[in-house]
Amino acid sequence: KFAAKSRPDIKIMSSEWIPVLYESWVQGEDLDDGLL
């Protein structure tokens, strides 16, 4: 609620983001600028 109301700069992410990104990183995949 605080992020939604007072922090428009914050990205609200799903719980899959870090595990998926980590797996790509470990596999040596090219991580685009958007980092998924």
Full PDB file with SEQRES, HELIX, SHEET, SSBOND, CRYST1, ORIGX, SCALE, CONECT and MASTER records, all heavy atoms in Angstrom:
SEQRES   1 A   36  LYS PHE ALA ALA LYS SER ARG PRO ASP ILE LYS ILE MET          
SEQRES   2 A   36  SER SER GLU TRP ILE PRO VAL LEU TYR GLU SER TRP VAL          
SEQRES   3 A   36  GLN GLY GLU ASP LEU ASP ASP GLY LEU LEU                      
HELIX    1 AA1 PHE A    2  SER A    6  1                                   5    
HELIX    2 AA2 TRP A   17  VAL A   26  1                                  10    
CRYST1    1.000    1.000    1.000  90.00  90.00  90.00 P 1           1          
ORIGX1      1.000000  0.000000  0.000000        0.00000                         
ORIGX2      0.000000  1.000000  0.000000        0.00000                         
ORIGX3      0.000000  0.000000  1.000000        0.00000                         
SCALE1      1.000000  0.000000  0.000000        0.00000                         
SCALE2      0.000000  1.000000  0.000000        0.00000                         
SCALE3      0.000000  0.000000  1.000000        0.00000                         
ATOM      1  N   LYS A   1       0.825  -1.209   0.000  1.00  0.00           N  
ATOM      2  CA  LYS A   1       0.000   0.000   0.000  1.00  0.00           C  
ATOM      3  C   LYS A   1       0.859   1.259   0.000  1.00  0.00           C  
ATOM      4  O   LYS A   1       0.554   2.231  -0.691  1.00  0.00           O  
ATOM      5  CB  LYS A   1      -0.946   0.003   1.198  1.00  0.00           C  
ATOM      6  CG  LYS A   1      -2.061  -1.015   1.074  1.00  0.00           C  
ATOM      7  CD  LYS A   1      -2.892  -1.057   2.339  1.00  0.00           C  
ATOM      8  CE  LYS A   1      -3.991  -2.096   2.238  1.00  0.00           C  
ATOM      9  NZ  LYS A   1      -4.783  -2.168   3.473  1.00  0.00           N  
ATOM     10  N   PHE A   2       1.960   1.229   0.760  1.00  0.00           N  
ATOM     11  CA  PHE A   2       2.849   2.384   0.804  1.00  0.00           C  
ATOM     12  C   PHE A   2       3.513   2.598  -0.561  1.00  0.00           C  
ATOM     13  O   PHE A   2       3.575   3.717  -1.065  1.00  0.00           O  
ATOM     14  CB  PHE A   2       3.914   2.222   1.890  1.00  0.00           C  
ATOM     15  CG  PHE A   2       4.865   3.381   1.945  1.00  0.00           C  
ATOM     16  CD1 PHE A   2       4.484   4.576   2.539  1.00  0.00           C  
ATOM     17  CD2 PHE A   2       6.135   3.294   1.388  1.00  0.00           C  
ATOM     18  CE1 PHE A   2       5.351   5.668   2.570  1.00  0.00           C  
ATOM     19  CE2 PHE A   2       7.003   4.380   1.415  1.00  0.00           C  
ATOM     20  CZ  PHE A   2       6.612   5.566   2.004  1.00  0.00           C  
ATOM     21  N   ALA A   3       3.986   1.501  -1.165  1.00  0.00           N  
ATOM     22  CA  ALA A   3       4.624   1.603  -2.488  1.00  0.00           C  
ATOM     23  C   ALA A   3       3.631   2.151  -3.510  1.00  0.00           C  
ATOM     24  O   ALA A   3       3.967   3.033  -4.308  1.00  0.00           O  
ATOM     25  CB  ALA A   3       5.164   0.246  -2.929  1.00  0.00           C  
ATOM     26  N   ALA A   4       2.399   1.627  -3.492  1.00  0.00           N  
ATOM     27  CA  ALA A   4       1.385   2.052  -4.462  1.00  0.00           C  
ATOM     28  C   ALA A   4       1.048   3.533  -4.300  1.00  0.00           C  
ATOM     29  O   ALA A   4       0.920   4.264  -5.279  1.00  0.00           O  
ATOM     30  CB  ALA A   4       0.126   1.206  -4.305  1.00  0.00           C  
ATOM     31  N   LYS A   5       0.942   3.978  -3.051  1.00  0.00           N  
ATOM     32  CA  LYS A   5       0.517   5.354  -2.791  1.00  0.00           C  
ATOM     33  C   LYS A   5       1.660   6.367  -2.904  1.00  0.00           C  
ATOM     34  O   LYS A   5       1.490   7.440  -3.474  1.00  0.00           O  
ATOM     35  CB  LYS A   5      -0.094   5.443  -1.387  1.00  0.00           C  
ATOM     36  CG  LYS A   5      -0.578   6.827  -1.030  1.00  0.00           C  
ATOM     37  CD  LYS A   5      -1.168   6.869   0.365  1.00  0.00           C  
ATOM     38  CE  LYS A   5      -1.622   8.288   0.668  1.00  0.00           C  
ATOM     39  NZ  LYS A   5      -1.603   8.583   2.086  1.00  0.00           N  
ATOM     40  N   SER A   6       2.826   6.011  -2.349  1.00  0.00           N  
ATOM     41  CA  SER A   6       3.860   7.032  -2.147  1.00  0.00           C  
ATOM     42  C   SER A   6       5.165   6.818  -2.899  1.00  0.00           C  
ATOM     43  O   SER A   6       6.041   7.670  -2.834  1.00  0.00           O  
ATOM     44  CB  SER A   6       4.185   7.119  -0.649  1.00  0.00           C  
ATOM     45  OG  SER A   6       3.020   7.401   0.076  1.00  0.00           O  
ATOM     46  N   ARG A   7       5.318   5.681  -3.574  1.00  0.00           N  
ATOM     47  CA  ARG A   7       6.587   5.402  -4.239  1.00  0.00           C  
ATOM     48  C   ARG A   7       6.389   4.951  -5.689  1.00  0.00           C  
ATOM     49  O   ARG A   7       6.616   3.793  -6.041  1.00  0.00           O  
ATOM     50  CB  ARG A   7       7.347   4.318  -3.461  1.00  0.00           C  
ATOM     51  CG  ARG A   7       7.851   4.715  -2.072  1.00  0.00           C  
ATOM     52  CD  ARG A   7       9.025   5.674  -2.081  1.00  0.00           C  
ATOM     53  NE  ARG A   7      10.134   5.244  -2.910  1.00  0.00           N  
ATOM     54  CZ  ARG A   7      11.109   4.435  -2.517  1.00  0.00           C  
ATOM     55  NH1 ARG A   7      11.134   3.969  -1.289  1.00  0.00           N  
ATOM     56  NH2 ARG A   7      12.073   4.107  -3.353  1.00  0.00           N  
ATOM     57  N   PRO A   8       5.972   5.868  -6.567  1.00  0.00           N  
ATOM     58  CA  PRO A   8       5.761   5.493  -7.974  1.00  0.00           C  
ATOM     59  C   PRO A   8       7.050   5.048  -8.673  1.00  0.00           C  
ATOM     60  O   PRO A   8       6.999   4.453  -9.733  1.00  0.00           O  
ATOM     61  CB  PRO A   8       5.189   6.767  -8.604  1.00  0.00           C  
ATOM     62  CG  PRO A   8       5.584   7.871  -7.685  1.00  0.00           C  
ATOM     63  CD  PRO A   8       5.679   7.277  -6.305  1.00  0.00           C  
ATOM     64  N   ASP A   9       8.194   5.317  -8.051  1.00  0.00           N  
ATOM     65  CA  ASP A   9       9.481   4.920  -8.619  1.00  0.00           C  
ATOM     66  C   ASP A   9       9.758   3.419  -8.435  1.00  0.00           C  
ATOM     67  O   ASP A   9      10.604   2.855  -9.106  1.00  0.00           O  
ATOM     68  CB  ASP A   9      10.609   5.721  -7.957  1.00  0.00           C  
ATOM     69  CG  ASP A   9      10.624   5.551  -6.435  1.00  0.00           C  
ATOM     70  OD1 ASP A   9       9.557   5.724  -5.799  1.00  0.00           O  
ATOM     71  OD2 ASP A   9      11.691   5.247  -5.881  1.00  0.00           O  
ATOM     72  N   ILE A  10       9.041   2.786  -7.526  1.00  0.00           N  
ATOM     73  CA  ILE A  10       9.291   1.377  -7.218  1.00  0.00           C  
ATOM     74  C   ILE A  10       8.591   0.473  -8.210  1.00  0.00           C  
ATOM     75  O   ILE A  10       7.436   0.703  -8.558  1.00  0.00           O  
ATOM     76  CB  ILE A  10       8.823   1.057  -5.778  1.00  0.00           C  
ATOM     77  CG1 ILE A  10       9.823   1.665  -4.809  1.00  0.00           C  
ATOM     78  CG2 ILE A  10       8.692  -0.443  -5.551  1.00  0.00           C  
ATOM     79  CD1 ILE A  10       9.647   1.248  -3.395  1.00  0.00           C  
ATOM     80  N   LYS A  11       9.294  -0.568  -8.640  1.00  0.00           N  
ATOM     81  CA  LYS A  11       8.697  -1.606  -9.481  1.00  0.00           C  
ATOM     82  C   LYS A  11       8.177  -2.696  -8.550  1.00  0.00           C  
ATOM     83  O   LYS A  11       8.900  -3.160  -7.665  1.00  0.00           O  
ATOM     84  CB  LYS A  11       9.737  -2.198 -10.421  1.00  0.00           C  
ATOM     85  CG  LYS A  11      10.392  -1.178 -11.334  1.00  0.00           C  
ATOM     86  CD  LYS A  11       9.765  -1.203 -12.686  1.00  0.00           C  
ATOM     87  CE  LYS A  11      10.592  -0.420 -13.682  1.00  0.00           C  
ATOM     88  NZ  LYS A  11       9.906   0.686 -14.265  1.00  0.00           N  
ATOM     89  N   ILE A  12       6.922  -3.102  -8.751  1.00  0.00           N  
ATOM     90  CA  ILE A  12       6.332  -4.168  -7.944  1.00  0.00           C  
ATOM     91  C   ILE A  12       6.400  -5.447  -8.770  1.00  0.00           C  
ATOM     92  O   ILE A  12       5.831  -5.525  -9.857  1.00  0.00           O  
ATOM     93  CB  ILE A  12       4.893  -3.816  -7.517  1.00  0.00           C  
ATOM     94  CG1 ILE A  12       4.905  -2.487  -6.728  1.00  0.00           C  
ATOM     95  CG2 ILE A  12       4.297  -4.954  -6.691  1.00  0.00           C  
ATOM     96  CD1 ILE A  12       3.537  -1.941  -6.374  1.00  0.00           C  
ATOM     97  N   MET A  13       7.121  -6.433  -8.225  1.00  0.00           N  
ATOM     98  CA  MET A  13       7.497  -7.620  -8.986  1.00  0.00           C  
ATOM     99  C   MET A  13       6.819  -8.889  -8.480  1.00  0.00           C  
ATOM    100  O   MET A  13       6.451  -8.981  -7.315  1.00  0.00           O  
ATOM    101  CB  MET A  13       9.021  -7.810  -8.897  1.00  0.00           C  
ATOM    102  CG  MET A  13       9.846  -6.577  -9.256  1.00  0.00           C  
ATOM    103  SD  MET A  13       9.610  -6.018 -10.946  1.00  0.00           S  
ATOM    104  CE  MET A  13      10.282  -7.419 -11.839  1.00  0.00           C  
ATOM    105  N   SER A  14       6.741  -9.890  -9.366  1.00  0.00           N  
ATOM    106  CA  SER A  14       6.228 -11.205  -8.973  1.00  0.00           C  
ATOM    107  C   SER A  14       7.337 -11.993  -8.272  1.00  0.00           C  
ATOM    108  O   SER A  14       8.528 -11.719  -8.455  1.00  0.00           O  
ATOM    109  CB  SER A  14       5.736 -11.978 -10.195  1.00  0.00           C  
ATOM    110  OG  SER A  14       6.834 -12.488 -10.925  1.00  0.00           O  
ATOM    111  N   SER A  15       6.942 -12.981  -7.507  1.00  0.00           N  
ATOM    112  CA  SER A  15       7.916 -13.775  -6.744  1.00  0.00           C  
ATOM    113  C   SER A  15       8.789 -14.654  -7.632  1.00  0.00           C  
ATOM    114  O   SER A  15       9.807 -15.158  -7.190  1.00  0.00           O  
ATOM    115  CB  SER A  15       7.182 -14.633  -5.711  1.00  0.00           C  
ATOM    116  OG  SER A  15       6.280 -15.503  -6.361  1.00  0.00           O  
ATOM    117  N   GLU A  16       8.421 -14.839  -8.890  1.00  0.00           N  
ATOM    118  CA  GLU A  16       9.227 -15.665  -9.807  1.00  0.00           C  
ATOM    119  C   GLU A  16      10.441 -14.917 -10.357  1.00  0.00           C  
ATOM    120  O   GLU A  16      11.369 -15.533 -10.869  1.00  0.00           O  
ATOM    121  CB  GLU A  16       8.387 -16.141 -11.006  1.00  0.00           C  
ATOM    122  CG  GLU A  16       7.282 -17.105 -10.668  1.00  0.00           C  
ATOM    123  CD  GLU A  16       6.006 -16.387 -10.232  1.00  0.00           C  
ATOM    124  OE1 GLU A  16       5.698 -15.308 -10.783  1.00  0.00           O  
ATOM    125  OE2 GLU A  16       5.349 -16.898  -9.308  1.00  0.00           O  
ATOM    126  N   TRP A  17      10.434 -13.596 -10.299  1.00  0.00           N  
ATOM    127  CA  TRP A  17      11.454 -12.796 -10.974  1.00  0.00           C  
ATOM    128  C   TRP A  17      12.885 -13.196 -10.601  1.00  0.00           C  
ATOM    129  O   TRP A  17      13.682 -13.542 -11.471  1.00  0.00           O  
ATOM    130  CB  TRP A  17      11.218 -11.309 -10.686  1.00  0.00           C  
ATOM    131  CG  TRP A  17      12.287 -10.391 -11.212  1.00  0.00           C  
ATOM    132  CD1 TRP A  17      12.807 -10.377 -12.472  1.00  0.00           C  
ATOM    133  CD2 TRP A  17      12.954  -9.359 -10.497  1.00  0.00           C  
ATOM    134  NE1 TRP A  17      13.755  -9.392 -12.587  1.00  0.00           N  
ATOM    135  CE2 TRP A  17      13.865  -8.753 -11.385  1.00  0.00           C  
ATOM    136  CE3 TRP A  17      12.868  -8.881  -9.197  1.00  0.00           C  
ATOM    137  CZ2 TRP A  17      14.680  -7.690 -11.008  1.00  0.00           C  
ATOM    138  CZ3 TRP A  17      13.671  -7.821  -8.831  1.00  0.00           C  
ATOM    139  CH2 TRP A  17      14.566  -7.241  -9.722  1.00  0.00           C  
ATOM    140  N   ILE A  18      13.235 -13.134  -9.329  1.00  0.00           N  
ATOM    141  CA  ILE A  18      14.612 -13.402  -8.911  1.00  0.00           C  
ATOM    142  C   ILE A  18      15.027 -14.855  -9.215  1.00  0.00           C  
ATOM    143  O   ILE A  18      16.095 -15.072  -9.791  1.00  0.00           O  
ATOM    144  CB  ILE A  18      14.842 -13.037  -7.422  1.00  0.00           C  
ATOM    145  CG1 ILE A  18      14.696 -11.520  -7.217  1.00  0.00           C  
ATOM    146  CG2 ILE A  18      16.199 -13.541  -6.926  1.00  0.00           C  
ATOM    147  CD1 ILE A  18      15.747 -10.647  -7.883  1.00  0.00           C  
ATOM    148  N   PRO A  19      14.211 -15.872  -8.875  1.00  0.00           N  
ATOM    149  CA  PRO A  19      14.611 -17.244  -9.214  1.00  0.00           C  
ATOM    150  C   PRO A  19      14.838 -17.463 -10.723  1.00  0.00           C  
ATOM    151  O   PRO A  19      15.798 -18.122 -11.114  1.00  0.00           O  
ATOM    152  CB  PRO A  19      13.453 -18.104  -8.688  1.00  0.00           C  
ATOM    153  CG  PRO A  19      12.890 -17.293  -7.558  1.00  0.00           C  
ATOM    154  CD  PRO A  19      13.024 -15.857  -8.003  1.00  0.00           C  
ATOM    155  N   VAL A  20      13.979 -16.896 -11.569  1.00  0.00           N  
ATOM    156  CA  VAL A  20      14.136 -17.043 -13.024  1.00  0.00           C  
ATOM    157  C   VAL A  20      15.393 -16.310 -13.495  1.00  0.00           C  
ATOM    158  O   VAL A  20      16.184 -16.841 -14.280  1.00  0.00           O  
ATOM    159  CB  VAL A  20      12.877 -16.543 -13.773  1.00  0.00           C  
ATOM    160  CG1 VAL A  20      13.126 -16.421 -15.273  1.00  0.00           C  
ATOM    161  CG2 VAL A  20      11.694 -17.474 -13.506  1.00  0.00           C  
ATOM    162  N   LEU A  21      15.596 -15.100 -13.017  1.00  0.00           N  
ATOM    163  CA  LEU A  21      16.778 -14.320 -13.384  1.00  0.00           C  
ATOM    164  C   LEU A  21      18.054 -15.033 -12.934  1.00  0.00           C  
ATOM    165  O   LEU A  21      19.029 -15.135 -13.684  1.00  0.00           O  
ATOM    166  CB  LEU A  21      16.701 -12.921 -12.752  1.00  0.00           C  
ATOM    167  CG  LEU A  21      17.820 -11.956 -13.113  1.00  0.00           C  
ATOM    168  CD1 LEU A  21      17.811 -11.624 -14.593  1.00  0.00           C  
ATOM    169  CD2 LEU A  21      17.681 -10.675 -12.289  1.00  0.00           C  
ATOM    170  N   TYR A  22      18.022 -15.560 -11.725  1.00  0.00           N  
ATOM    171  CA  TYR A  22      19.182 -16.274 -11.172  1.00  0.00           C  
ATOM    172  C   TYR A  22      19.524 -17.490 -12.040  1.00  0.00           C  
ATOM    173  O   TYR A  22      20.689 -17.717 -12.363  1.00  0.00           O  
ATOM    174  CB  TYR A  22      18.892 -16.698  -9.729  1.00  0.00           C  
ATOM    175  CG  TYR A  22      20.061 -17.391  -9.066  1.00  0.00           C  
ATOM    176  CD1 TYR A  22      21.121 -16.655  -8.538  1.00  0.00           C  
ATOM    177  CD2 TYR A  22      20.114 -18.781  -8.986  1.00  0.00           C  
ATOM    178  CE1 TYR A  22      22.195 -17.284  -7.941  1.00  0.00           C  
ATOM    179  CE2 TYR A  22      21.194 -19.415  -8.392  1.00  0.00           C  
ATOM    180  CZ  TYR A  22      22.227 -18.673  -7.868  1.00  0.00           C  
ATOM    181  OH  TYR A  22      23.298 -19.295  -7.281  1.00  0.00           O  
ATOM    182  N   GLU A  23      18.507 -18.252 -12.417  1.00  0.00           N  
ATOM    183  CA  GLU A  23      18.725 -19.440 -13.256  1.00  0.00           C  
ATOM    184  C   GLU A  23      19.351 -19.055 -14.594  1.00  0.00           C  
ATOM    185  O   GLU A  23      20.293 -19.705 -15.059  1.00  0.00           O  
ATOM    186  CB  GLU A  23      17.396 -20.184 -13.461  1.00  0.00           C  
ATOM    187  CG  GLU A  23      17.545 -21.639 -13.816  1.00  0.00           C  
ATOM    188  CD  GLU A  23      18.497 -22.417 -12.914  1.00  0.00           C  
ATOM    189  OE1 GLU A  23      18.413 -22.309 -11.670  1.00  0.00           O  
ATOM    190  OE2 GLU A  23      19.360 -23.141 -13.470  1.00  0.00           O  
ATOM    191  N   SER A  24      18.866 -17.997 -15.208  1.00  0.00           N  
ATOM    192  CA  SER A  24      19.436 -17.506 -16.475  1.00  0.00           C  
ATOM    193  C   SER A  24      20.891 -17.103 -16.287  1.00  0.00           C  
ATOM    194  O   SER A  24      21.744 -17.385 -17.128  1.00  0.00           O  
ATOM    195  CB  SER A  24      18.642 -16.306 -16.996  1.00  0.00           C  
ATOM    196  OG  SER A  24      17.317 -16.672 -17.272  1.00  0.00           O  
ATOM    197  N   TRP A  25      21.166 -16.441 -15.176  1.00  0.00           N  
ATOM    198  CA  TRP A  25      22.522 -15.966 -14.865  1.00  0.00           C  
ATOM    199  C   TRP A  25      23.469 -17.145 -14.675  1.00  0.00           C  
ATOM    200  O   TRP A  25      24.571 -17.167 -15.220  1.00  0.00           O  
ATOM    201  CB  TRP A  25      22.441 -15.094 -13.612  1.00  0.00           C  
ATOM    202  CG  TRP A  25      23.729 -14.503 -13.131  1.00  0.00           C  
ATOM    203  CD1 TRP A  25      24.492 -13.573 -13.775  1.00  0.00           C  
ATOM    204  CD2 TRP A  25      24.390 -14.784 -11.891  1.00  0.00           C  
ATOM    205  NE1 TRP A  25      25.583 -13.242 -12.988  1.00  0.00           N  
ATOM    206  CE2 TRP A  25      25.543 -13.977 -11.836  1.00  0.00           C  
ATOM    207  CE3 TRP A  25      24.106 -15.618 -10.820  1.00  0.00           C  
ATOM    208  CZ2 TRP A  25      26.416 -13.998 -10.751  1.00  0.00           C  
ATOM    209  CZ3 TRP A  25      24.967 -15.631  -9.745  1.00  0.00           C  
ATOM    210  CH2 TRP A  25      26.106 -14.834  -9.721  1.00  0.00           C  
ATOM    211  N   VAL A  26      23.026 -18.148 -13.898  1.00  0.00           N  
ATOM    212  CA  VAL A  26      23.852 -19.342 -13.646  1.00  0.00           C  
ATOM    213  C   VAL A  26      24.136 -20.076 -14.957  1.00  0.00           C  
ATOM    214  O   VAL A  26      25.236 -20.596 -15.157  1.00  0.00           O  
ATOM    215  CB  VAL A  26      23.145 -20.274 -12.622  1.00  0.00           C  
ATOM    216  CG1 VAL A  26      23.802 -21.641 -12.571  1.00  0.00           C  
ATOM    217  CG2 VAL A  26      23.153 -19.634 -11.238  1.00  0.00           C  
ATOM    218  N   GLN A  27      23.151 -20.105 -15.866  1.00  0.00           N  
ATOM    219  CA  GLN A  27      23.319 -20.780 -17.165  1.00  0.00           C  
ATOM    220  C   GLN A  27      24.224 -19.971 -18.105  1.00  0.00           C  
ATOM    221  O   GLN A  27      24.544 -20.443 -19.185  1.00  0.00           O  
ATOM    222  CB  GLN A  27      21.958 -21.001 -17.848  1.00  0.00           C  
ATOM    223  CG  GLN A  27      20.989 -21.884 -17.092  1.00  0.00           C  
ATOM    224  CD  GLN A  27      21.499 -23.283 -16.846  1.00  0.00           C  
ATOM    225  OE1 GLN A  27      22.203 -23.854 -17.672  1.00  0.00           O  
ATOM    226  NE2 GLN A  27      21.185 -23.823 -15.674  1.00  0.00           N  
ATOM    227  N   GLY A  28      24.602 -18.777 -17.667  1.00  0.00           N  
ATOM    228  CA  GLY A  28      25.483 -17.951 -18.491  1.00  0.00           C  
ATOM    229  C   GLY A  28      24.772 -17.241 -19.622  1.00  0.00           C  
ATOM    230  O   GLY A  28      25.408 -16.746 -20.553  1.00  0.00           O  
ATOM    231  N   GLU A  29      23.450 -17.198 -19.566  1.00  0.00           N  
ATOM    232  CA  GLU A  29      22.688 -16.525 -20.618  1.00  0.00           C  
ATOM    233  C   GLU A  29      22.981 -15.033 -20.601  1.00  0.00           C  
ATOM    234  O   GLU A  29      23.271 -14.458 -19.559  1.00  0.00           O  
ATOM    235  CB  GLU A  29      21.182 -16.769 -20.431  1.00  0.00           C  
ATOM    236  CG  GLU A  29      20.769 -18.205 -20.661  1.00  0.00           C  
ATOM    237  CD  GLU A  29      19.296 -18.445 -20.347  1.00  0.00           C  
ATOM    238  OE1 GLU A  29      18.499 -17.485 -20.404  1.00  0.00           O  
ATOM    239  OE2 GLU A  29      18.963 -19.608 -20.039  1.00  0.00           O  
ATOM    240  N   ASP A  30      22.876 -14.431 -21.772  1.00  0.00           N  
ATOM    241  CA  ASP A  30      23.016 -12.989 -21.876  1.00  0.00           C  
ATOM    242  C   ASP A  30      21.799 -12.342 -21.230  1.00  0.00           C  
ATOM    243  O   ASP A  30      20.678 -12.556 -21.670  1.00  0.00           O  
ATOM    244  CB  ASP A  30      23.084 -12.567 -23.346  1.00  0.00           C  
ATOM    245  CG  ASP A  30      24.457 -12.065 -23.726  1.00  0.00           C  
ATOM    246  OD1 ASP A  30      25.295 -11.902 -22.818  1.00  0.00           O  
ATOM    247  OD2 ASP A  30      24.685 -11.838 -24.922  1.00  0.00           O  
ATOM    248  N   LEU A  31      22.012 -11.600 -20.177  1.00  0.00           N  
ATOM    249  CA  LEU A  31      20.906 -10.917 -19.527  1.00  0.00           C  
ATOM    250  C   LEU A  31      20.750  -9.559 -20.178  1.00  0.00           C  
ATOM    251  O   LEU A  31      21.672  -8.747 -20.158  1.00  0.00           O  
ATOM    252  CB  LEU A  31      21.171 -10.775 -18.024  1.00  0.00           C  
ATOM    253  CG  LEU A  31      21.307 -12.090 -17.264  1.00  0.00           C  
ATOM    254  CD1 LEU A  31      21.677 -11.834 -15.818  1.00  0.00           C  
ATOM    255  CD2 LEU A  31      20.022 -12.890 -17.351  1.00  0.00           C  
ATOM    256  N   ASP A  32      19.582  -9.346 -20.791  1.00  0.00           N  
ATOM    257  CA  ASP A  32      19.359  -8.072 -21.472  1.00  0.00           C  
ATOM    258  C   ASP A  32      19.329  -6.928 -20.454  1.00  0.00           C  
ATOM    259  O   ASP A  32      19.301  -7.145 -19.252  1.00  0.00           O  
ATOM    260  CB  ASP A  32      18.074  -8.110 -22.300  1.00  0.00           C  
ATOM    261  CG  ASP A  32      16.825  -8.308 -21.450  1.00  0.00           C  
ATOM    262  OD1 ASP A  32      16.968  -8.518 -20.230  1.00  0.00           O  
ATOM    263  OD2 ASP A  32      15.726  -8.241 -22.001  1.00  0.00           O  
ATOM    264  N   ASP A  33      19.315  -5.717 -20.971  1.00  0.00           N  
ATOM    265  CA  ASP A  33      19.318  -4.547 -20.100  1.00  0.00           C  
ATOM    266  C   ASP A  33      18.125  -4.522 -19.153  1.00  0.00           C  
ATOM    267  O   ASP A  33      18.199  -3.992 -18.057  1.00  0.00           O  
ATOM    268  CB  ASP A  33      19.335  -3.258 -20.935  1.00  0.00           C  
ATOM    269  CG  ASP A  33      20.666  -3.064 -21.645  1.00  0.00           C  
ATOM    270  OD1 ASP A  33      21.667  -3.668 -21.200  1.00  0.00           O  
ATOM    271  OD2 ASP A  33      20.698  -2.325 -22.643  1.00  0.00           O  
ATOM    272  N   GLY A  34      17.014  -5.122 -19.573  1.00  0.00           N  
ATOM    273  CA  GLY A  34      15.807  -5.113 -18.751  1.00  0.00           C  
ATOM    274  C   GLY A  34      15.855  -6.078 -17.594  1.00  0.00           C  
ATOM    275  O   GLY A  34      15.051  -5.984 -16.680  1.00  0.00           O  
ATOM    276  N   LEU A  35      16.804  -7.030 -17.616  1.00  0.00           N  
ATOM    277  CA  LEU A  35      16.943  -8.019 -16.546  1.00  0.00           C  
ATOM    278  C   LEU A  35      15.614  -8.702 -16.210  1.00  0.00           C  
ATOM    279  O   LEU A  35      15.323  -8.979 -15.051  1.00  0.00           O  
ATOM    280  CB  LEU A  35      17.544  -7.368 -15.289  1.00  0.00           C  
ATOM    281  CG  LEU A  35      18.951  -6.802 -15.471  1.00  0.00           C  
ATOM    282  CD1 LEU A  35      19.356  -5.975 -14.277  1.00  0.00           C  
ATOM    283  CD2 LEU A  35      19.949  -7.927 -15.704  1.00  0.00           C  
ATOM    284  N   LEU A  36      14.808  -8.935 -17.241  1.00  0.00           N  
ATOM    285  CA  LEU A  36      13.514  -9.611 -17.109  1.00  0.00           C  
ATOM    286  C   LEU A  36      12.529  -8.844 -16.227  1.00  0.00           C  
ATOM    287  O   LEU A  36      11.529  -9.411 -15.787  1.00  0.00           O  
ATOM    288  CB  LEU A  36      13.695 -11.042 -16.575  1.00  0.00           C  
ATOM    289  CG  LEU A  36      14.626 -11.964 -17.367  1.00  0.00           C  
ATOM    290  CD1 LEU A  36      14.791 -13.302 -16.648  1.00  0.00           C  
ATOM    291  CD2 LEU A  36      14.112 -12.188 -18.781  1.00  0.00           C  
TER     292      LEU A  36                                                      
MASTER        0    0    0    2    0    0    0    6  291    1    0    3          
END                                                                             
